[in-house]
């Protein structure tokens, strides 16, 4: 019960510090506030204060400072991609096919990211130039997205698609 705190008859879960934010630059109080916001970004300042045994004004000020420092950038929801029909998750490895001095890889990556099925695009070192994370409703949808969309982008060369069977989040997920 070391991770729980009883306050006014209510047990609050207090995340353990090693699992809060890897390589954190935060002090213990800020790290615990961030951990609680990661679990429920709609948690009220009062609920966080009660759970941590801190004054509400202190928690409010710390959250405001975390926002000002850019540690907390936004409060958001996480959508269920499968429930919205995006059941297929894949990664596409792509080579750059541009001419040096004429096609900038960053411009290519930005154009790739403008496509509705793209989660993100990374410019990387090694055999491939881009790793593109994508979602699709099914294999046909994925194929059409690659053949009709991605392959038409100037600067995108050869591709290889890796379909994900399972996805697991690591401790640093909140940082991505």
N, C-alpha and C. Protein backbone atom coordinates (compact mmCIF):
# COMPACT_ATOMS: atom_id res chain seq x y z
N UNK A 1 0.83 -1.20 0.00
CA UNK A 1 0.00 0.00 0.00
C UNK A 1 0.87 1.26 0.00
N UNK A 2 2.18 1.11 -0.25
CA UNK A 2 3.04 2.28 -0.24
C UNK A 2 2.75 3.25 -1.38
N UNK A 3 2.10 2.78 -2.44
CA UNK A 3 1.77 3.66 -3.56
C UNK A 3 0.37 4.27 -3.45
N UNK A 4 -0.28 4.09 -2.31
CA UNK A 4 -1.61 4.64 -2.13
C UNK A 4 -1.61 5.57 -0.93
N UNK A 5 -2.45 6.60 -1.01
CA UNK A 5 -2.56 7.55 0.08
C UNK A 5 -4.04 7.70 0.41
N UNK A 6 -4.39 7.56 1.68
CA UNK A 6 -5.76 7.73 2.13
C UNK A 6 -5.95 9.19 2.50
N UNK A 7 -6.96 9.82 1.89
CA UNK A 7 -7.25 11.21 2.19
C UNK A 7 -8.77 11.35 2.20
N UNK A 8 -9.34 11.74 3.33
CA UNK A 8 -10.78 11.90 3.48
C UNK A 8 -11.54 10.64 3.07
N UNK A 9 -11.03 9.47 3.44
CA UNK A 9 -11.69 8.22 3.16
C UNK A 9 -11.54 7.71 1.73
N UNK A 10 -10.74 8.41 0.90
CA UNK A 10 -10.53 8.00 -0.48
C UNK A 10 -9.08 7.60 -0.66
N UNK A 11 -8.84 6.43 -1.27
CA UNK A 11 -7.49 6.01 -1.58
C UNK A 11 -7.09 6.58 -2.93
N UNK A 12 -5.95 7.24 -3.01
CA UNK A 12 -5.40 7.77 -4.25
C UNK A 12 -4.15 6.99 -4.60
N UNK A 13 -4.02 6.61 -5.87
CA UNK A 13 -2.82 5.93 -6.33
C UNK A 13 -1.73 6.96 -6.57
N UNK A 14 -0.57 6.75 -5.98
CA UNK A 14 0.58 7.62 -6.19
C UNK A 14 1.61 6.81 -6.96
N UNK A 15 1.89 7.14 -8.23
CA UNK A 15 2.84 6.35 -9.01
C UNK A 15 4.23 6.35 -8.37
N UNK A 16 4.91 5.22 -8.50
CA UNK A 16 6.26 5.13 -7.97
C UNK A 16 7.20 5.95 -8.85
N UNK A 17 8.21 6.53 -8.29
CA UNK A 17 9.07 7.46 -9.03
C UNK A 17 9.83 6.85 -10.20
N UNK A 18 10.38 5.64 -10.11
CA UNK A 18 11.14 5.14 -11.26
C UNK A 18 10.32 5.01 -12.53
N UNK A 19 8.99 4.90 -12.44
CA UNK A 19 8.16 4.70 -13.62
C UNK A 19 7.50 6.00 -14.07
N UNK A 20 7.89 7.13 -13.54
CA UNK A 20 7.22 8.38 -13.89
C UNK A 20 7.70 8.91 -15.23
N UNK A 21 8.88 9.39 -15.32
CA UNK A 21 9.43 9.90 -16.57
C UNK A 21 10.91 9.54 -16.57
N UNK A 22 11.35 8.72 -17.52
CA UNK A 22 12.75 8.33 -17.55
C UNK A 22 13.67 9.55 -17.69
N UNK A 23 14.83 9.46 -17.08
CA UNK A 23 15.86 10.50 -17.11
C UNK A 23 15.27 11.89 -16.87
N UNK A 24 14.41 11.96 -15.91
CA UNK A 24 13.67 13.18 -15.63
C UNK A 24 14.54 14.26 -15.01
N UNK A 25 14.25 15.48 -15.43
CA UNK A 25 14.88 16.66 -14.84
C UNK A 25 13.96 17.27 -13.79
N UNK A 26 12.91 16.57 -13.42
CA UNK A 26 11.92 17.10 -12.50
C UNK A 26 12.23 16.75 -11.07
N UNK A 27 11.81 17.63 -10.14
CA UNK A 27 11.93 17.27 -8.74
C UNK A 27 10.81 16.28 -8.42
N UNK A 28 10.84 15.70 -7.24
CA UNK A 28 9.92 14.63 -6.87
C UNK A 28 8.46 15.09 -6.95
N UNK A 29 8.17 16.28 -6.46
CA UNK A 29 6.78 16.76 -6.46
C UNK A 29 6.27 16.98 -7.89
N UNK A 30 7.08 17.62 -8.74
CA UNK A 30 6.66 17.83 -10.12
C UNK A 30 6.52 16.49 -10.84
N UNK A 31 7.40 15.55 -10.58
CA UNK A 31 7.34 14.24 -11.22
C UNK A 31 6.05 13.52 -10.84
N UNK A 32 5.63 13.63 -9.59
CA UNK A 32 4.38 12.98 -9.16
C UNK A 32 3.17 13.67 -9.78
N UNK A 33 3.21 14.98 -9.90
CA UNK A 33 2.12 15.70 -10.55
C UNK A 33 2.01 15.26 -12.01
N UNK A 34 3.14 15.20 -12.71
CA UNK A 34 3.16 14.77 -14.11
C UNK A 34 2.63 13.33 -14.23
N UNK A 35 3.03 12.46 -13.33
CA UNK A 35 2.57 11.07 -13.37
C UNK A 35 1.05 10.99 -13.22
N UNK A 36 0.50 11.80 -12.33
CA UNK A 36 -0.96 11.78 -12.16
C UNK A 36 -1.66 12.34 -13.38
N UNK A 37 -1.11 13.38 -13.99
CA UNK A 37 -1.70 13.94 -15.21
C UNK A 37 -1.61 12.96 -16.37
N UNK A 38 -0.53 12.17 -16.42
CA UNK A 38 -0.41 11.14 -17.47
C UNK A 38 -1.52 10.12 -17.34
N UNK A 39 -1.87 9.76 -16.11
CA UNK A 39 -2.92 8.78 -15.87
C UNK A 39 -4.30 9.35 -16.18
N UNK A 40 -4.50 10.63 -15.86
CA UNK A 40 -5.81 11.26 -16.08
C UNK A 40 -5.59 12.75 -16.28
N UNK A 41 -5.54 13.17 -17.54
CA UNK A 41 -5.27 14.58 -17.82
C UNK A 41 -6.44 15.48 -17.43
N UNK A 42 -7.59 14.88 -17.10
CA UNK A 42 -8.75 15.66 -16.65
C UNK A 42 -8.81 15.79 -15.14
N UNK A 43 -7.85 15.21 -14.43
CA UNK A 43 -7.85 15.29 -12.97
C UNK A 43 -7.82 16.75 -12.53
N UNK A 44 -8.65 17.07 -11.58
CA UNK A 44 -8.69 18.45 -11.09
C UNK A 44 -7.45 18.75 -10.25
N UNK A 45 -7.13 20.01 -10.18
CA UNK A 45 -6.01 20.44 -9.34
C UNK A 45 -6.24 20.01 -7.91
N UNK A 46 -7.48 20.12 -7.44
CA UNK A 46 -7.81 19.74 -6.07
C UNK A 46 -7.60 18.24 -5.86
N UNK A 47 -8.01 17.41 -6.81
CA UNK A 47 -7.83 15.96 -6.68
C UNK A 47 -6.35 15.60 -6.62
N UNK A 48 -5.54 16.25 -7.45
CA UNK A 48 -4.10 16.00 -7.44
C UNK A 48 -3.51 16.46 -6.11
N UNK A 49 -3.92 17.63 -5.65
CA UNK A 49 -3.43 18.14 -4.37
C UNK A 49 -3.80 17.20 -3.22
N UNK A 50 -5.04 16.72 -3.22
CA UNK A 50 -5.47 15.80 -2.17
C UNK A 50 -4.66 14.51 -2.20
N UNK A 51 -4.44 13.97 -3.39
CA UNK A 51 -3.71 12.71 -3.52
C UNK A 51 -2.26 12.85 -3.08
N UNK A 52 -1.66 13.99 -3.34
CA UNK A 52 -0.25 14.19 -3.01
C UNK A 52 -0.03 14.85 -1.66
N UNK A 53 -1.12 15.26 -1.01
CA UNK A 53 -0.99 15.91 0.29
C UNK A 53 -0.33 17.28 0.18
N UNK A 54 -0.66 17.99 -0.89
CA UNK A 54 -0.08 19.32 -1.14
C UNK A 54 -1.22 20.33 -1.20
N UNK A 55 -0.94 21.60 -0.91
CA UNK A 55 -1.97 22.63 -1.08
C UNK A 55 -2.36 22.78 -2.55
N UNK A 56 -3.64 23.05 -2.80
CA UNK A 56 -4.14 23.19 -4.16
C UNK A 56 -3.42 24.29 -4.92
N UNK A 57 -3.16 25.42 -4.26
CA UNK A 57 -2.48 26.54 -4.93
C UNK A 57 -1.07 26.14 -5.35
N UNK A 58 -0.39 25.36 -4.53
CA UNK A 58 0.95 24.90 -4.88
C UNK A 58 0.91 24.02 -6.13
N UNK A 59 -0.05 23.11 -6.17
CA UNK A 59 -0.19 22.22 -7.33
C UNK A 59 -0.52 23.06 -8.57
N UNK A 60 -1.44 24.00 -8.43
CA UNK A 60 -1.80 24.87 -9.55
C UNK A 60 -0.57 25.61 -10.08
N UNK A 61 0.21 26.20 -9.18
CA UNK A 61 1.41 26.95 -9.58
C UNK A 61 2.44 26.03 -10.24
N UNK A 62 2.61 24.83 -9.70
CA UNK A 62 3.58 23.90 -10.29
C UNK A 62 3.13 23.47 -11.69
N UNK A 63 1.84 23.21 -11.90
CA UNK A 63 1.35 22.84 -13.23
C UNK A 63 1.56 24.00 -14.20
N UNK A 64 1.28 25.21 -13.75
CA UNK A 64 1.48 26.39 -14.62
C UNK A 64 2.95 26.51 -15.01
N UNK A 65 3.86 26.31 -14.05
CA UNK A 65 5.30 26.40 -14.35
C UNK A 65 5.74 25.27 -15.28
N UNK A 66 5.18 24.08 -15.09
CA UNK A 66 5.48 22.96 -16.00
C UNK A 66 5.04 23.30 -17.42
N UNK A 67 3.92 23.98 -17.57
CA UNK A 67 3.46 24.42 -18.89
C UNK A 67 4.39 25.49 -19.46
N UNK A 68 4.76 26.45 -18.65
CA UNK A 68 5.65 27.53 -19.10
C UNK A 68 7.00 26.99 -19.55
N UNK A 69 7.50 25.96 -18.87
CA UNK A 69 8.79 25.35 -19.22
C UNK A 69 8.67 24.42 -20.42
N UNK A 70 7.45 24.12 -20.84
CA UNK A 70 7.26 23.22 -21.97
C UNK A 70 7.26 21.76 -21.59
N UNK A 71 7.30 21.45 -20.30
CA UNK A 71 7.26 20.05 -19.86
C UNK A 71 5.87 19.48 -20.15
N UNK A 72 4.83 20.22 -19.77
CA UNK A 72 3.46 19.85 -20.09
C UNK A 72 3.05 20.75 -21.25
N UNK A 73 2.84 20.14 -22.40
CA UNK A 73 2.53 20.93 -23.60
C UNK A 73 1.05 21.05 -23.86
N UNK A 74 0.29 20.00 -23.47
CA UNK A 74 -1.15 20.05 -23.68
C UNK A 74 -1.82 18.97 -22.86
N UNK A 75 -3.10 19.14 -22.66
CA UNK A 75 -3.93 18.16 -21.98
C UNK A 75 -4.84 17.59 -23.07
N UNK A 76 -4.85 16.29 -23.22
CA UNK A 76 -5.51 15.72 -24.40
C UNK A 76 -6.21 14.41 -24.07
N UNK A 77 -6.83 13.85 -25.08
CA UNK A 77 -7.45 12.53 -24.97
C UNK A 77 -6.69 11.57 -25.87
N UNK A 78 -6.77 10.31 -25.57
CA UNK A 78 -6.17 9.28 -26.42
C UNK A 78 -7.32 8.53 -27.08
N UNK A 79 -7.38 8.63 -28.40
CA UNK A 79 -8.46 7.99 -29.14
C UNK A 79 -8.16 6.51 -29.35
N UNK A 80 -9.19 5.71 -29.36
CA UNK A 80 -9.06 4.28 -29.63
C UNK A 80 -9.05 4.05 -31.13
N UNK A 81 -7.86 3.87 -31.71
CA UNK A 81 -7.76 3.75 -33.17
C UNK A 81 -8.53 2.55 -33.70
N UNK A 82 -8.52 1.43 -32.98
CA UNK A 82 -9.26 0.25 -33.43
C UNK A 82 -10.76 0.53 -33.40
N UNK A 83 -11.22 1.21 -32.36
CA UNK A 83 -12.64 1.50 -32.23
C UNK A 83 -13.12 2.47 -33.31
N UNK A 84 -12.19 3.25 -33.87
CA UNK A 84 -12.52 4.18 -34.95
C UNK A 84 -12.32 3.56 -36.34
N UNK A 85 -11.97 2.26 -36.37
CA UNK A 85 -11.85 1.56 -37.63
C UNK A 85 -10.44 1.43 -38.17
N UNK A 86 -9.44 1.95 -37.48
CA UNK A 86 -8.05 1.88 -37.95
C UNK A 86 -7.40 0.68 -37.29
N UNK A 87 -7.67 -0.51 -37.81
CA UNK A 87 -7.24 -1.76 -37.17
C UNK A 87 -5.83 -2.20 -37.54
N UNK A 88 -5.29 -1.67 -38.63
CA UNK A 88 -3.98 -2.11 -39.09
C UNK A 88 -2.94 -1.02 -38.79
N UNK A 89 -1.87 -1.42 -38.16
CA UNK A 89 -0.78 -0.52 -37.77
C UNK A 89 0.49 -1.03 -38.46
N UNK A 90 1.17 -0.15 -39.17
CA UNK A 90 2.34 -0.60 -39.92
C UNK A 90 3.43 0.46 -39.91
N UNK A 91 4.61 0.04 -40.31
CA UNK A 91 5.77 0.92 -40.46
C UNK A 91 6.29 0.71 -41.87
N UNK A 92 6.57 1.81 -42.54
CA UNK A 92 7.10 1.74 -43.89
C UNK A 92 8.51 2.29 -43.89
N UNK A 93 9.44 1.49 -44.35
CA UNK A 93 10.82 1.94 -44.52
C UNK A 93 10.92 2.46 -45.95
N UNK A 94 11.50 3.63 -46.12
CA UNK A 94 11.57 4.21 -47.47
C UNK A 94 12.94 4.82 -47.72
N UNK A 95 13.37 4.70 -48.95
CA UNK A 95 14.61 5.35 -49.39
C UNK A 95 14.29 6.69 -50.01
N UNK A 96 15.23 7.59 -49.91
CA UNK A 96 15.14 8.91 -50.53
C UNK A 96 15.60 8.78 -51.97
N UNK A 97 14.85 9.36 -52.89
CA UNK A 97 15.20 9.26 -54.30
C UNK A 97 15.38 10.64 -54.93
N UNK A 98 15.68 11.61 -54.09
CA UNK A 98 15.82 12.97 -54.60
C UNK A 98 17.23 13.26 -55.08
N UNK A 99 17.36 14.37 -55.75
CA UNK A 99 18.66 14.86 -56.21
C UNK A 99 19.24 15.78 -55.16
N UNK A 100 20.50 15.57 -54.83
CA UNK A 100 21.17 16.42 -53.85
C UNK A 100 21.09 17.87 -54.30
N UNK A 101 20.66 18.73 -53.39
CA UNK A 101 20.55 20.15 -53.70
C UNK A 101 19.21 20.54 -54.30
N UNK A 102 18.41 19.57 -54.73
CA UNK A 102 17.11 19.88 -55.33
C UNK A 102 15.93 19.42 -54.47
N UNK A 103 16.09 18.31 -53.80
CA UNK A 103 15.02 17.77 -52.96
C UNK A 103 15.55 17.60 -51.55
N UNK A 104 14.96 18.30 -50.61
CA UNK A 104 15.38 18.22 -49.21
C UNK A 104 14.56 17.13 -48.51
N UNK A 105 15.23 16.25 -47.81
CA UNK A 105 14.54 15.16 -47.12
C UNK A 105 13.51 15.68 -46.12
N UNK A 106 13.80 16.82 -45.51
CA UNK A 106 12.83 17.38 -44.55
C UNK A 106 11.54 17.79 -45.25
N UNK A 107 11.64 18.32 -46.45
CA UNK A 107 10.44 18.66 -47.23
C UNK A 107 9.65 17.41 -47.59
N UNK A 108 10.37 16.36 -47.96
CA UNK A 108 9.73 15.08 -48.27
C UNK A 108 9.00 14.55 -47.05
N UNK A 109 9.66 14.58 -45.89
CA UNK A 109 9.05 14.09 -44.65
C UNK A 109 7.79 14.90 -44.30
N UNK A 110 7.84 16.21 -44.49
CA UNK A 110 6.66 17.03 -44.20
C UNK A 110 5.51 16.70 -45.14
N UNK A 111 5.81 16.46 -46.41
CA UNK A 111 4.75 16.08 -47.35
C UNK A 111 4.17 14.72 -46.97
N UNK A 112 5.02 13.80 -46.57
CA UNK A 112 4.55 12.48 -46.13
C UNK A 112 3.61 12.65 -44.94
N UNK A 113 3.97 13.50 -44.00
CA UNK A 113 3.16 13.69 -42.79
C UNK A 113 1.82 14.35 -43.07
N UNK A 114 1.66 14.97 -44.22
CA UNK A 114 0.37 15.60 -44.54
C UNK A 114 -0.67 14.58 -45.00
N UNK A 115 -0.27 13.34 -45.19
CA UNK A 115 -1.20 12.30 -45.64
C UNK A 115 -2.03 11.80 -44.45
N UNK A 116 -3.33 11.59 -44.66
CA UNK A 116 -4.22 11.27 -43.54
C UNK A 116 -3.95 9.95 -42.84
N UNK A 117 -3.25 9.03 -43.46
CA UNK A 117 -2.98 7.72 -42.86
C UNK A 117 -1.65 7.69 -42.11
N UNK A 118 -0.87 8.77 -42.15
CA UNK A 118 0.46 8.81 -41.55
C UNK A 118 0.40 9.31 -40.12
N UNK A 119 0.94 8.52 -39.20
CA UNK A 119 1.06 8.90 -37.80
C UNK A 119 2.28 9.79 -37.61
N UNK A 120 3.38 9.43 -38.25
CA UNK A 120 4.61 10.20 -38.15
C UNK A 120 5.66 9.69 -39.10
N UNK A 121 6.67 10.52 -39.32
CA UNK A 121 7.76 10.15 -40.22
C UNK A 121 9.07 10.58 -39.59
N UNK A 122 10.03 9.69 -39.58
CA UNK A 122 11.35 9.96 -39.01
C UNK A 122 12.40 9.86 -40.11
N UNK A 123 13.30 10.82 -40.15
CA UNK A 123 14.46 10.74 -41.03
C UNK A 123 15.55 10.06 -40.21
N UNK A 124 16.10 8.96 -40.73
CA UNK A 124 17.00 8.14 -39.93
C UNK A 124 18.31 7.85 -40.65
N UNK A 125 19.25 7.30 -39.90
CA UNK A 125 20.52 6.87 -40.47
C UNK A 125 20.40 5.40 -40.86
N UNK A 126 21.35 4.92 -41.63
CA UNK A 126 21.38 3.51 -41.98
C UNK A 126 20.93 3.25 -43.40
N UNK A 127 20.49 2.03 -43.65
CA UNK A 127 20.10 1.58 -44.98
C UNK A 127 18.89 2.35 -45.52
N UNK A 128 17.98 2.73 -44.65
CA UNK A 128 16.76 3.43 -45.05
C UNK A 128 16.89 4.90 -44.66
N UNK A 129 16.15 5.75 -45.35
CA UNK A 129 16.18 7.19 -45.06
C UNK A 129 15.00 7.65 -44.22
N UNK A 130 13.87 6.94 -44.34
CA UNK A 130 12.66 7.32 -43.61
C UNK A 130 12.06 6.09 -42.94
N UNK A 131 11.52 6.29 -41.75
CA UNK A 131 10.64 5.30 -41.12
C UNK A 131 9.31 6.02 -40.96
N UNK A 132 8.27 5.47 -41.56
CA UNK A 132 6.96 6.10 -41.59
C UNK A 132 5.98 5.21 -40.84
N UNK A 133 5.36 5.75 -39.83
CA UNK A 133 4.36 5.01 -39.06
C UNK A 133 2.98 5.33 -39.65
N UNK A 134 2.21 4.29 -39.97
CA UNK A 134 0.93 4.49 -40.63
C UNK A 134 -0.18 3.66 -39.99
N UNK A 135 -1.41 4.08 -40.23
CA UNK A 135 -2.59 3.33 -39.83
C UNK A 135 -3.44 3.09 -41.07
N UNK A 136 -4.15 1.97 -41.09
CA UNK A 136 -5.05 1.67 -42.20
C UNK A 136 -6.22 0.85 -41.67
N UNK A 137 -7.29 0.84 -42.43
CA UNK A 137 -8.47 0.07 -42.03
C UNK A 137 -8.28 -1.42 -42.30
N UNK A 138 -7.53 -1.74 -43.37
CA UNK A 138 -7.29 -3.13 -43.74
C UNK A 138 -6.10 -3.16 -44.71
N UNK A 139 -5.74 -4.35 -45.18
CA UNK A 139 -4.58 -4.48 -46.08
C UNK A 139 -4.80 -3.77 -47.41
N UNK A 140 -6.01 -3.84 -47.94
CA UNK A 140 -6.29 -3.15 -49.20
C UNK A 140 -6.12 -1.64 -49.05
N UNK A 141 -6.61 -1.10 -47.96
CA UNK A 141 -6.48 0.32 -47.66
C UNK A 141 -5.00 0.71 -47.53
N UNK A 142 -4.22 -0.14 -46.87
CA UNK A 142 -2.78 0.11 -46.74
C UNK A 142 -2.11 0.10 -48.11
N UNK A 143 -2.43 -0.90 -48.92
CA UNK A 143 -1.85 -0.99 -50.26
C UNK A 143 -2.18 0.24 -51.10
N UNK A 144 -3.43 0.68 -51.06
CA UNK A 144 -3.83 1.88 -51.82
C UNK A 144 -3.09 3.12 -51.31
N UNK A 145 -2.93 3.21 -50.00
CA UNK A 145 -2.24 4.36 -49.42
C UNK A 145 -0.79 4.44 -49.90
N UNK A 146 -0.15 3.28 -50.00
CA UNK A 146 1.24 3.24 -50.46
C UNK A 146 1.32 3.49 -51.96
N UNK A 147 0.53 2.76 -52.73
CA UNK A 147 0.61 2.85 -54.19
C UNK A 147 0.11 4.19 -54.73
N UNK A 148 -1.00 4.68 -54.18
CA UNK A 148 -1.60 5.92 -54.70
C UNK A 148 -1.10 7.17 -53.98
N UNK A 149 -0.66 7.02 -52.75
CA UNK A 149 -0.26 8.20 -51.98
C UNK A 149 1.23 8.33 -51.82
N UNK A 150 1.81 7.43 -51.06
CA UNK A 150 3.23 7.53 -50.71
C UNK A 150 4.14 7.45 -51.93
N UNK A 151 3.87 6.54 -52.83
CA UNK A 151 4.73 6.36 -54.01
C UNK A 151 4.69 7.57 -54.95
N UNK A 152 3.66 8.39 -54.84
CA UNK A 152 3.54 9.56 -55.70
C UNK A 152 4.31 10.77 -55.17
N UNK A 153 4.86 10.67 -53.97
CA UNK A 153 5.60 11.80 -53.39
C UNK A 153 6.98 11.89 -54.03
N UNK A 154 7.29 13.03 -54.64
CA UNK A 154 8.63 13.19 -55.21
C UNK A 154 9.69 13.08 -54.11
N UNK A 155 10.68 12.25 -54.34
CA UNK A 155 11.72 12.05 -53.34
C UNK A 155 11.61 10.73 -52.60
N UNK A 156 10.47 10.04 -52.74
CA UNK A 156 10.30 8.73 -52.11
C UNK A 156 10.67 7.67 -53.13
N UNK A 157 11.62 6.82 -52.75
CA UNK A 157 12.06 5.74 -53.63
C UNK A 157 11.46 4.42 -53.19
N UNK A 158 12.32 3.42 -53.14
CA UNK A 158 11.94 2.05 -52.77
C UNK A 158 11.37 2.03 -51.35
N UNK A 159 10.34 1.20 -51.12
CA UNK A 159 9.75 1.07 -49.79
C UNK A 159 9.70 -0.40 -49.37
N UNK A 160 9.64 -0.60 -48.08
CA UNK A 160 9.39 -1.92 -47.50
C UNK A 160 8.41 -1.71 -46.36
N UNK A 161 7.35 -2.50 -46.32
CA UNK A 161 6.30 -2.33 -45.32
C UNK A 161 6.38 -3.43 -44.28
N UNK A 162 6.29 -3.04 -43.03
CA UNK A 162 6.29 -3.97 -41.90
C UNK A 162 4.96 -3.79 -41.16
N UNK A 163 4.12 -4.82 -41.14
CA UNK A 163 2.84 -4.75 -40.46
C UNK A 163 3.04 -5.21 -39.02
N UNK A 164 2.49 -4.45 -38.09
CA UNK A 164 2.62 -4.75 -36.66
C UNK A 164 1.51 -5.70 -36.22
N UNK A 165 1.89 -6.81 -35.59
CA UNK A 165 0.90 -7.73 -35.03
C UNK A 165 0.40 -7.24 -33.68
N UNK A 166 1.33 -6.77 -32.85
CA UNK A 166 1.02 -6.32 -31.51
C UNK A 166 1.84 -5.07 -31.21
N UNK A 167 1.33 -4.23 -30.34
CA UNK A 167 2.03 -3.00 -29.97
C UNK A 167 2.05 -2.88 -28.44
N UNK A 168 3.21 -2.59 -27.91
CA UNK A 168 3.37 -2.43 -26.47
C UNK A 168 4.03 -1.08 -26.20
N UNK A 169 3.51 -0.34 -25.25
CA UNK A 169 4.08 0.95 -24.90
C UNK A 169 5.17 0.78 -23.86
N UNK A 170 6.28 1.49 -24.04
CA UNK A 170 7.36 1.49 -23.08
C UNK A 170 7.22 2.63 -22.10
N UNK A 171 8.10 2.68 -21.14
CA UNK A 171 8.02 3.69 -20.09
C UNK A 171 8.18 5.11 -20.64
N UNK A 172 8.87 5.29 -21.75
CA UNK A 172 9.09 6.63 -22.29
C UNK A 172 7.98 7.06 -23.25
N UNK A 173 6.90 6.31 -23.37
CA UNK A 173 5.82 6.62 -24.31
C UNK A 173 5.30 8.04 -24.16
N UNK A 174 5.18 8.52 -22.94
CA UNK A 174 4.65 9.86 -22.71
C UNK A 174 5.56 10.95 -23.27
N UNK A 175 6.80 10.59 -23.55
CA UNK A 175 7.74 11.58 -24.07
C UNK A 175 7.67 11.67 -25.59
N UNK A 176 7.00 10.72 -26.24
CA UNK A 176 6.97 10.74 -27.70
C UNK A 176 5.85 11.59 -28.24
